[in-house]
Amino acid sequence: MKDSRSPLLSFLPKPASSPEGIKFDGHGHLGFPGLGASGLKKRGQSSRSWIEIDSAGNSRVVALDKTALMKTCGLPSRDLRLLDPVFVYPSTILGRGSAIVVSLEQVRCIIMADVVLLVRSADNSSMQYESELCQRLRMMNDQNDDLPFEFKALELALELASTSLDSQVTDLEIEVYPVLEELASSVSTANLEHVRRLKSQLLALTHRVQKMHDEIEQLMDDDGDMAEMYLTEKKERVESYLSNEAYMNTTQTGDWVSHSAPASPTCSSSGLPEKGSSNLSFSKHESSRESSAKGRQVEVLEMLLEAYFVVIGSTLSKLLSLKEYIDDTEDFINIKLDNVRNQLIQFELLLAAATFVVTMFAVVTGVFGMNFEDSVFDTASTFNWVVVVSTILCIVVYSFILLYFKHKKLLPV
């Protein structure tokens, strides 16, 4: 049997007993079971549980793989990665052709014109969104609310995300202020470590709130992105266009004008209406409808986003105020530590001056402590005079040193 290995590997002797599961493919590469293209494809197409919520407020759990989801929603693979609960991505709202990709905190879903596909998470965030959205849809359907379905779902996602962030900020404020008060009164290692952990949480929370704030602001500044998110109207326009197209195709096959009638400017020689003229009028009608609908959709969505933009801005202001309070406390502690350091330096100066004076007295003691004979030692009162004069001299020198320090403002007056 002819060896199927490549010419570059033909000179290698094939072992008599190769390990089981390892073999050469037709291109001379080593093949391992489970690591081929088919194995990777199977892993990439694994199904995931989603919660499907329709416009009537009904929900059910469905299993969809990545390929089916991309075909159903018309989304690229990179958008689906934003919804993966394994990875942590910043807040994102993307408007696509037939769907809105929402990744806000723990709420990750795909919103379409008549259905919402919610990522089924392990915590209660998805269950809370599901129950609240189903309840609101049933209530709004009874009240005949004019707000489109996709905006109802988007509004609830923004509400839950902003409420979650605001509650986290409130909890952080309750924890931070007492710790800062205690740190200002008593600087200790334990208090400093506690404040350091709280500041790390504050910075992480500020980054999340700032990203959501910037995302909403960027979306509000772009009318085109907001227009792409009006899915219900786009779906109605497509359905209207298809119905009109079917009607035109049906009527064109009939006899619009009899053969004996004179030809009109809008009719062809065969008696049928000219297709270019009808398409032109239809396109003008559709463009006018689209422009007016775009203005309405931008206005409705902009008002919706602006409300939560104000809420997120208020939450961000709380975080910035809390950060400023922490910075002020740190400045106060640094000033307090600098004051203690200055006091230690002043004490060191006084101690150095006293050491210098004592050294002078020690020099006198060393001189008179030498082993030699002198008439000074013959009189007993001479020792007393030497001690008194040396002490007075040391006090005078020490006083001059203190006056010099005060003159140079090294010591408080």
Protein backbone atom coordinates (compact mmCIF):
# COMPACT_ATOMS: atom_id res chain seq x y z
CA MET A 1 0.00 0.00 0.00
CA LYS A 2 1.36 3.42 -0.91
CA ASP A 3 2.36 5.73 1.94
CA SER A 4 0.15 8.84 2.07
CA ARG A 5 2.66 11.02 3.92
CA SER A 6 4.13 14.12 2.30
CA PRO A 7 7.51 13.90 0.47
CA LEU A 8 9.18 15.89 3.26
CA LEU A 9 8.26 13.18 5.77
CA SER A 10 8.73 10.19 3.48
CA PHE A 11 12.27 9.61 4.66
CA LEU A 12 11.14 9.18 8.28
CA PRO A 13 10.69 5.53 9.18
CA LYS A 14 7.18 4.71 10.30
CA PRO A 15 7.31 3.02 13.72
CA ALA A 16 6.12 -0.53 13.87
CA SER A 17 3.82 0.15 16.77
CA SER A 18 2.78 3.78 16.91
CA PRO A 19 0.87 5.04 19.97
CA GLU A 20 -2.83 4.49 19.72
CA GLY A 21 -4.78 7.59 18.66
CA ILE A 22 -1.77 9.28 16.93
CA LYS A 23 -1.57 9.03 13.16
CA PHE A 24 -0.52 10.93 10.05
CA ASP A 25 -3.13 12.61 7.92
CA GLY A 26 -3.00 13.06 4.18
CA HIS A 27 -0.85 16.21 4.47
CA GLY A 28 1.83 14.81 6.71
CA HIS A 29 0.55 16.34 9.95
CA LEU A 30 0.05 14.53 13.20
CA GLY A 31 -3.59 13.89 13.98
CA PHE A 32 -5.00 13.69 17.51
CA PRO A 33 -8.54 12.64 18.30
CA GLY A 34 -10.81 15.47 19.43
CA LEU A 35 -8.39 18.23 18.34
CA GLY A 36 -9.31 18.52 14.68
CA ALA A 37 -11.46 21.11 12.93
CA SER A 38 -14.58 19.05 13.53
CA GLY A 39 -13.86 18.89 17.26
CA LEU A 40 -13.37 22.65 17.46
CA LYS A 41 -16.52 23.21 15.44
CA LYS A 42 -18.55 21.08 17.81
CA ARG A 43 -17.20 22.99 20.75
CA GLY A 44 -18.02 26.35 19.11
CA GLN A 45 -21.60 25.26 18.39
CA SER A 46 -22.53 24.18 21.92
CA SER A 47 -26.04 25.15 22.92
CA ARG A 48 -26.77 27.67 25.64
CA SER A 49 -29.91 28.28 27.62
CA TRP A 50 -31.79 31.47 26.81
CA ILE A 51 -35.01 32.92 28.21
CA GLU A 52 -37.36 33.93 25.38
CA ILE A 53 -39.90 36.66 26.23
CA ASP A 54 -42.49 37.63 23.63
CA SER A 55 -44.51 40.83 23.33
CA ALA A 56 -47.50 39.28 25.16
CA GLY A 57 -45.45 38.77 28.33
CA ASN A 58 -44.97 35.02 27.95
CA SER A 59 -41.58 33.47 28.67
CA ARG A 60 -39.97 30.13 28.08
CA VAL A 61 -36.50 28.59 28.22
CA VAL A 62 -34.94 27.72 24.85
CA ALA A 63 -31.61 26.19 23.87
CA LEU A 64 -29.83 27.86 20.94
CA ASP A 65 -26.34 27.39 19.60
CA LYS A 66 -24.21 30.21 18.30
CA THR A 67 -24.84 29.56 14.61
CA ALA A 68 -28.61 29.42 14.98
CA LEU A 69 -28.55 32.58 17.08
CA MET A 70 -26.51 34.44 14.46
CA LYS A 71 -28.97 33.43 11.72
CA THR A 72 -32.04 34.26 13.81
CA CYS A 73 -30.91 37.66 15.05
CA GLY A 74 -28.64 38.65 12.17
CA LEU A 75 -25.73 39.42 14.50
CA PRO A 76 -21.99 38.89 13.98
CA SER A 77 -20.01 36.66 16.27
CA ARG A 78 -18.22 39.56 17.97
CA ASP A 79 -21.53 40.92 19.24
CA LEU A 80 -22.44 37.58 20.80
CA ARG A 81 -19.17 37.58 22.73
CA LEU A 82 -20.42 40.60 24.64
CA LEU A 83 -23.23 38.46 26.04
CA ASP A 84 -21.01 35.62 27.25
CA PRO A 85 -21.38 35.43 31.07
CA VAL A 86 -17.88 33.97 31.38
CA PHE A 87 -16.24 37.23 30.28
CA VAL A 88 -16.56 40.66 31.86
CA TYR A 89 -17.22 43.43 29.36
CA PRO A 90 -18.10 47.09 30.00
CA SER A 91 -21.64 48.36 29.50
CA THR A 92 -22.61 48.28 25.84
CA ILE A 93 -25.75 49.09 23.83
CA LEU A 94 -25.47 48.26 20.13
CA GLY A 95 -28.17 48.87 17.53
CA ARG A 96 -28.02 46.44 14.61
CA GLY A 97 -30.23 45.86 11.61
CA SER A 98 -32.86 43.66 13.28
CA ALA A 99 -31.77 43.50 16.93
CA ILE A 100 -30.39 45.50 19.85
CA VAL A 101 -27.50 43.98 21.82
CA VAL A 102 -27.68 45.04 25.47
CA SER A 103 -24.97 44.30 28.02
CA LEU A 104 -25.64 46.37 31.14
CA GLU A 105 -24.21 45.03 34.38
CA GLN A 106 -25.86 41.63 34.93
CA VAL A 107 -28.56 42.15 32.28
CA ARG A 108 -27.39 40.70 28.97
CA CYS A 109 -29.96 40.19 26.27
CA ILE A 110 -30.82 40.49 22.58
CA ILE A 111 -33.87 42.64 21.91
CA MET A 112 -35.76 42.16 18.66
CA ALA A 113 -38.99 43.65 17.35
CA ASP A 114 -41.27 41.13 19.03
CA VAL A 115 -39.12 38.97 21.28
CA VAL A 116 -36.29 39.26 23.83
CA LEU A 117 -33.60 36.62 24.22
CA LEU A 118 -32.20 36.90 27.75
CA VAL A 119 -29.00 35.18 28.83
CA ARG A 120 -29.87 32.77 31.60
CA SER A 121 -27.42 33.52 34.41
CA ALA A 122 -26.75 31.70 37.65
CA ASP A 123 -27.75 34.60 39.91
CA ASN A 124 -31.18 36.20 40.27
CA SER A 125 -30.50 39.09 37.86
CA SER A 126 -31.98 37.34 34.82
CA MET A 127 -34.95 36.09 36.82
CA GLN A 128 -35.65 39.59 38.08
CA TYR A 129 -35.52 41.02 34.56
CA GLU A 130 -37.76 38.23 33.24
CA SER A 131 -40.45 38.58 35.90
CA GLU A 132 -40.46 42.39 35.78
CA LEU A 133 -40.60 42.54 31.98
CA CYS A 134 -43.40 39.96 31.75
CA GLN A 135 -45.41 41.84 34.35
CA ARG A 136 -44.93 45.19 32.62
CA LEU A 137 -45.79 43.81 29.20
CA ARG A 138 -49.06 42.36 30.47
CA MET A 139 -49.97 45.63 32.20
CA MET A 140 -49.02 47.79 29.21
CA ASN A 141 -50.91 45.57 26.79
CA ASP A 142 -54.03 46.04 28.90
CA GLN A 143 -53.45 49.81 28.94
CA ASN A 144 -52.70 50.03 25.18
CA ASP A 145 -49.32 51.69 25.66
CA ASP A 146 -47.87 53.21 22.46
CA LEU A 147 -44.23 52.62 23.46
CA PRO A 148 -42.65 50.04 21.11
CA PHE A 149 -41.76 46.63 22.48
CA GLU A 150 -38.01 47.06 22.10
CA PHE A 151 -38.06 50.32 24.03
CA LYS A 152 -39.95 48.68 26.88
CA ALA A 153 -37.29 45.99 27.13
CA LEU A 154 -34.46 48.53 26.82
CA GLU A 155 -36.03 50.78 29.44
CA LEU A 156 -36.23 47.93 31.96
CA ALA A 157 -32.58 46.98 31.32
CA LEU A 158 -31.49 50.59 31.89
CA GLU A 159 -33.64 50.83 35.01
CA LEU A 160 -32.27 47.66 36.59
CA ALA A 161 -28.68 48.57 35.75
CA SER A 162 -28.97 52.13 37.09
CA THR A 163 -30.79 50.94 40.22
CA SER A 164 -28.13 48.31 40.87
CA LEU A 165 -25.30 50.82 40.47
CA ASP A 166 -27.05 53.37 42.68
CA SER A 167 -27.62 50.82 45.45
CA GLN A 168 -23.96 49.80 45.31
CA VAL A 169 -22.94 53.46 45.60
CA THR A 170 -25.27 53.93 48.59
CA ASP A 171 -23.84 50.86 50.35
CA LEU A 172 -20.32 52.10 49.68
CA GLU A 173 -21.15 55.53 51.13
CA ILE A 174 -22.56 53.94 54.30
CA GLU A 175 -19.35 51.96 54.72
CA VAL A 176 -16.84 54.65 53.73
CA TYR A 177 -17.86 57.65 55.86
CA PRO A 178 -17.49 56.01 59.32
CA VAL A 179 -14.13 54.51 58.34
CA LEU A 180 -12.84 57.89 57.17
CA GLU A 181 -14.00 59.56 60.40
CA GLU A 182 -12.19 56.91 62.43
CA LEU A 183 -9.08 57.25 60.31
CA ALA A 184 -9.06 61.04 60.73
CA SER A 185 -9.15 60.67 64.51
CA SER A 186 -6.79 57.69 64.80
CA VAL A 187 -4.28 56.81 62.11
CA SER A 188 -3.51 53.10 62.28
CA THR A 189 -2.39 50.38 59.91
CA ALA A 190 -5.73 48.57 60.08
CA ASN A 191 -7.68 51.73 59.23
CA LEU A 192 -5.34 52.57 56.36
CA GLU A 193 -5.71 49.08 54.91
CA HIS A 194 -9.49 49.28 55.21
CA VAL A 195 -9.57 52.62 53.40
CA ARG A 196 -7.29 51.25 50.70
CA ARG A 197 -9.70 48.38 49.99
CA LEU A 198 -12.67 50.75 49.92
CA LYS A 199 -10.86 53.09 47.55
CA SER A 200 -10.16 50.20 45.18
CA GLN A 201 -13.88 49.34 45.19
CA LEU A 202 -14.69 52.99 44.59
CA LEU A 203 -12.41 53.23 41.56
CA ALA A 204 -13.81 50.03 40.05
CA LEU A 205 -17.39 51.20 40.59
CA THR A 206 -16.59 54.63 39.17
CA HIS A 207 -15.18 53.04 36.03
CA ARG A 208 -18.36 50.99 35.51
CA VAL A 209 -20.67 53.96 36.06
CA GLN A 210 -18.54 56.20 33.84
CA LYS A 211 -18.60 53.62 31.04
CA MET A 212 -22.39 53.35 31.19
CA HIS A 213 -22.67 57.16 31.30
CA ASP A 214 -20.42 57.52 28.25
CA GLU A 215 -22.28 54.77 26.38
CA ILE A 216 -25.65 56.49 26.81
CA GLU A 217 -24.16 59.88 25.92
CA GLN A 218 -22.53 58.52 22.79
CA LEU A 219 -25.80 56.90 21.76
CA MET A 220 -27.73 60.13 22.32
CA ASP A 221 -25.26 62.09 20.17
CA ASP A 222 -25.73 59.83 17.15
CA ASP A 223 -29.17 60.03 15.52
CA GLY A 224 -28.26 57.25 13.09
CA ASP A 225 -27.59 54.75 15.88
CA MET A 226 -30.84 55.70 17.59
CA ALA A 227 -32.73 55.29 14.32
CA GLU A 228 -31.33 51.79 13.92
CA MET A 229 -32.85 50.80 17.26
CA TYR A 230 -36.46 51.42 16.19
CA LEU A 231 -37.07 47.80 15.28
CA THR A 232 -40.88 47.74 15.31
CA GLU A 233 -41.19 50.49 12.71
CA LYS A 234 -38.52 48.92 10.51
CA LYS A 235 -40.36 45.62 10.66
CA GLU A 236 -43.65 47.32 9.75
CA ARG A 237 -41.99 49.11 6.84
CA VAL A 238 -40.56 45.83 5.54
CA GLU A 239 -43.92 44.10 5.82
CA SER A 240 -45.66 47.03 4.11
CA TYR A 241 -43.10 47.05 1.33
CA LEU A 242 -43.48 43.31 0.77
CA SER A 243 -47.28 43.54 0.70
CA ASN A 244 -47.18 46.47 -1.75
CA GLU A 245 -44.69 44.63 -3.92
CA ALA A 246 -46.91 41.55 -3.99
CA TYR A 247 -49.93 43.70 -4.84
CA MET A 248 -48.07 45.41 -7.68
CA ASN A 249 -46.91 42.08 -9.08
CA THR A 250 -50.49 40.80 -8.96
CA THR A 251 -52.05 43.83 -10.63
CA GLN A 252 -49.43 43.99 -13.35
CA THR A 253 -50.49 40.59 -14.65
CA GLY A 254 -54.10 41.79 -15.26
CA ASP A 255 -55.53 44.07 -17.89
CA TRP A 256 -55.18 47.58 -16.46
CA VAL A 257 -56.10 49.34 -19.71
CA SER A 258 -57.99 47.92 -22.67
CA HIS A 259 -56.22 47.61 -25.99
CA SER A 260 -58.64 50.04 -27.62
CA ALA A 261 -57.92 52.82 -25.15
CA PRO A 262 -55.40 55.47 -26.17
CA ALA A 263 -51.98 55.21 -24.66
CA SER A 264 -51.39 57.46 -21.71
CA PRO A 265 -48.06 58.95 -20.67
CA THR A 266 -47.96 56.64 -17.67
CA CYS A 267 -48.68 53.49 -19.68
CA SER A 268 -46.46 51.47 -21.93
CA SER A 269 -47.30 50.39 -25.44
CA SER A 270 -48.71 47.11 -24.17
CA GLY A 271 -51.27 48.86 -22.01
CA LEU A 272 -49.60 48.07 -18.69
CA PRO A 273 -48.45 50.83 -16.34
CA GLU A 274 -44.80 51.62 -16.55
CA LYS A 275 -42.83 49.86 -13.83
CA GLY A 276 -40.27 52.63 -13.45
CA SER A 277 -42.93 55.23 -12.75
CA SER A 278 -44.66 53.11 -10.12
CA ASN A 279 -41.39 52.20 -8.43
CA LEU A 280 -40.36 55.86 -8.40
CA SER A 281 -43.57 56.99 -6.73
CA PHE A 282 -43.38 54.12 -4.24
CA SER A 283 -39.76 54.91 -3.35
CA LYS A 284 -40.67 58.58 -2.82
CA HIS A 285 -43.54 57.56 -0.57
CA GLU A 286 -41.32 55.20 1.40
CA SER A 287 -38.54 57.80 1.79
CA SER A 288 -40.99 60.39 3.12
CA ARG A 289 -42.42 57.86 5.57
CA GLU A 290 -38.95 56.82 6.65
CA SER A 291 -37.79 60.41 7.26
CA SER A 292 -40.86 61.27 9.33
CA ALA A 293 -40.63 58.01 11.25
CA LYS A 294 -36.95 58.59 11.89
CA GLY A 295 -37.72 61.95 13.47
CA ARG A 296 -40.37 60.39 15.71
CA GLN A 297 -38.20 57.45 16.72
CA VAL A 298 -35.21 59.63 17.58
CA GLU A 299 -37.40 61.86 19.72
CA VAL A 300 -38.97 58.96 21.64
CA LEU A 301 -35.70 57.12 22.20
CA GLU A 302 -33.81 60.30 23.05
CA MET A 303 -36.31 61.16 25.78
CA LEU A 304 -36.01 57.63 27.15
CA LEU A 305 -32.21 57.70 27.18
CA GLU A 306 -32.09 61.21 28.59
CA ALA A 307 -34.06 60.18 31.69
CA TYR A 308 -31.57 57.44 32.57
CA PHE A 309 -28.66 59.63 31.52
CA VAL A 310 -29.68 62.00 34.32
CA VAL A 311 -29.97 59.10 36.79
CA ILE A 312 -26.53 57.74 35.90
CA GLY A 313 -25.12 61.27 36.05
CA SER A 314 -26.45 61.64 39.59
CA THR A 315 -24.87 58.33 40.58
CA LEU A 316 -21.59 59.42 39.03
CA SER A 317 -21.75 62.71 40.96
CA LYS A 318 -22.12 60.75 44.20
CA LEU A 319 -19.04 58.72 43.38
CA LEU A 320 -17.02 61.80 42.50
CA SER A 321 -18.09 63.49 45.74
CA LEU A 322 -17.10 60.39 47.68
CA LYS A 323 -13.74 60.30 45.93
CA GLU A 324 -13.18 63.98 46.75
CA TYR A 325 -14.02 63.28 50.40
CA ILE A 326 -11.50 60.44 50.47
CA ASP A 327 -8.88 62.68 48.86
CA ASP A 328 -9.60 65.43 51.41
CA THR A 329 -9.22 62.92 54.23
CA GLU A 330 -5.94 61.71 52.78
CA ASP A 331 -4.72 65.31 52.54
CA PHE A 332 -5.74 65.90 56.15
CA ILE A 333 -3.90 62.75 57.26
CA ASN A 334 -0.81 63.79 55.30
CA ILE A 335 -0.90 67.22 56.94
CA LYS A 336 -1.29 65.59 60.32
CA LEU A 337 1.63 63.25 59.67
CA ASP A 338 3.73 66.14 58.39
CA ASN A 339 3.00 68.01 61.62
CA VAL A 340 4.12 65.02 63.67
CA ARG A 341 7.22 64.73 61.51
CA ASN A 342 8.01 68.41 62.06
CA GLN A 343 7.65 67.97 65.80
CA LEU A 344 10.07 65.06 65.70
CA ILE A 345 12.55 67.15 63.72
CA GLN A 346 12.28 69.97 66.27
CA PHE A 347 12.83 67.55 69.11
CA GLU A 348 15.84 66.19 67.23
CA LEU A 349 17.27 69.71 66.96
CA LEU A 350 16.83 70.31 70.69
CA LEU A 351 18.39 66.96 71.47
CA ALA A 352 21.35 67.66 69.19
CA ALA A 353 21.91 71.06 70.85
CA ALA A 354 21.75 69.49 74.32
CA THR A 355 24.19 66.79 73.22
CA PHE A 356 26.60 69.47 72.00
CA VAL A 357 26.42 71.30 75.35
CA VAL A 358 26.93 68.10 77.34
CA THR A 359 29.91 67.30 75.11
CA MET A 360 31.46 70.67 76.08
CA PHE A 361 31.04 69.83 79.77
CA ALA A 362 32.53 66.38 79.11
CA VAL A 363 35.58 68.03 77.52
CA VAL A 364 36.18 70.04 80.73
CA THR A 365 35.75 66.89 82.77
CA GLY A 366 38.23 65.04 80.56
CA VAL A 367 40.82 67.81 80.83
CA PHE A 368 40.73 67.90 84.63
CA GLY A 369 40.55 64.16 84.85
CA MET A 370 44.07 63.70 83.47
CA ASN A 371 46.75 62.27 85.74
CA PHE A 372 49.02 65.28 86.35
CA GLU A 373 49.96 67.47 89.32
CA ASP A 374 48.77 71.09 89.41
CA SER A 375 48.29 73.76 92.06
CA VAL A 376 44.58 73.88 91.15
CA PHE A 377 43.98 70.61 92.97
CA ASP A 378 45.55 71.97 96.18
CA THR A 379 42.52 74.14 97.00
CA ALA A 380 39.15 72.43 97.59
CA SER A 381 37.05 75.40 96.48
CA THR A 382 38.65 75.38 93.02
CA PHE A 383 36.65 72.29 92.02
CA ASN A 384 33.39 74.05 92.88
CA TRP A 385 34.32 77.09 90.81
CA VAL A 386 35.20 74.92 87.78
CA VAL A 387 31.84 73.10 87.97
CA VAL A 388 29.85 76.35 88.36
CA VAL A 389 31.62 78.17 85.52
CA SER A 390 31.31 75.16 83.19
CA THR A 391 27.59 74.81 83.92
CA ILE A 392 26.91 78.50 83.34
CA LEU A 393 28.87 78.41 80.10
CA CYS A 394 26.90 75.39 78.86
CA ILE A 395 23.59 77.06 79.71
CA VAL A 396 24.61 80.25 77.89
CA VAL A 397 25.69 78.31 74.80
CA TYR A 398 22.45 76.30 74.82
CA SER A 399 20.42 79.51 75.13
CA PHE A 400 22.22 81.06 72.17
CA ILE A 401 21.51 77.93 70.13
CA LEU A 402 17.79 78.13 70.97
CA LEU A 403 17.67 81.82 70.07
CA TYR A 404 19.36 81.05 66.77
CA PHE A 405 16.82 78.31 65.95
CA LYS A 406 13.94 80.63 66.76
CA HIS A 407 15.48 83.41 64.69
CA LYS A 408 15.68 81.03 61.73
CA LYS A 409 12.09 79.88 62.48
CA LEU A 410 13.20 76.32 62.97
CA LEU A 411 11.36 76.25 66.30
CA PRO A 412 7.95 77.75 67.21
CA VAL A 413 8.19 81.12 68.94
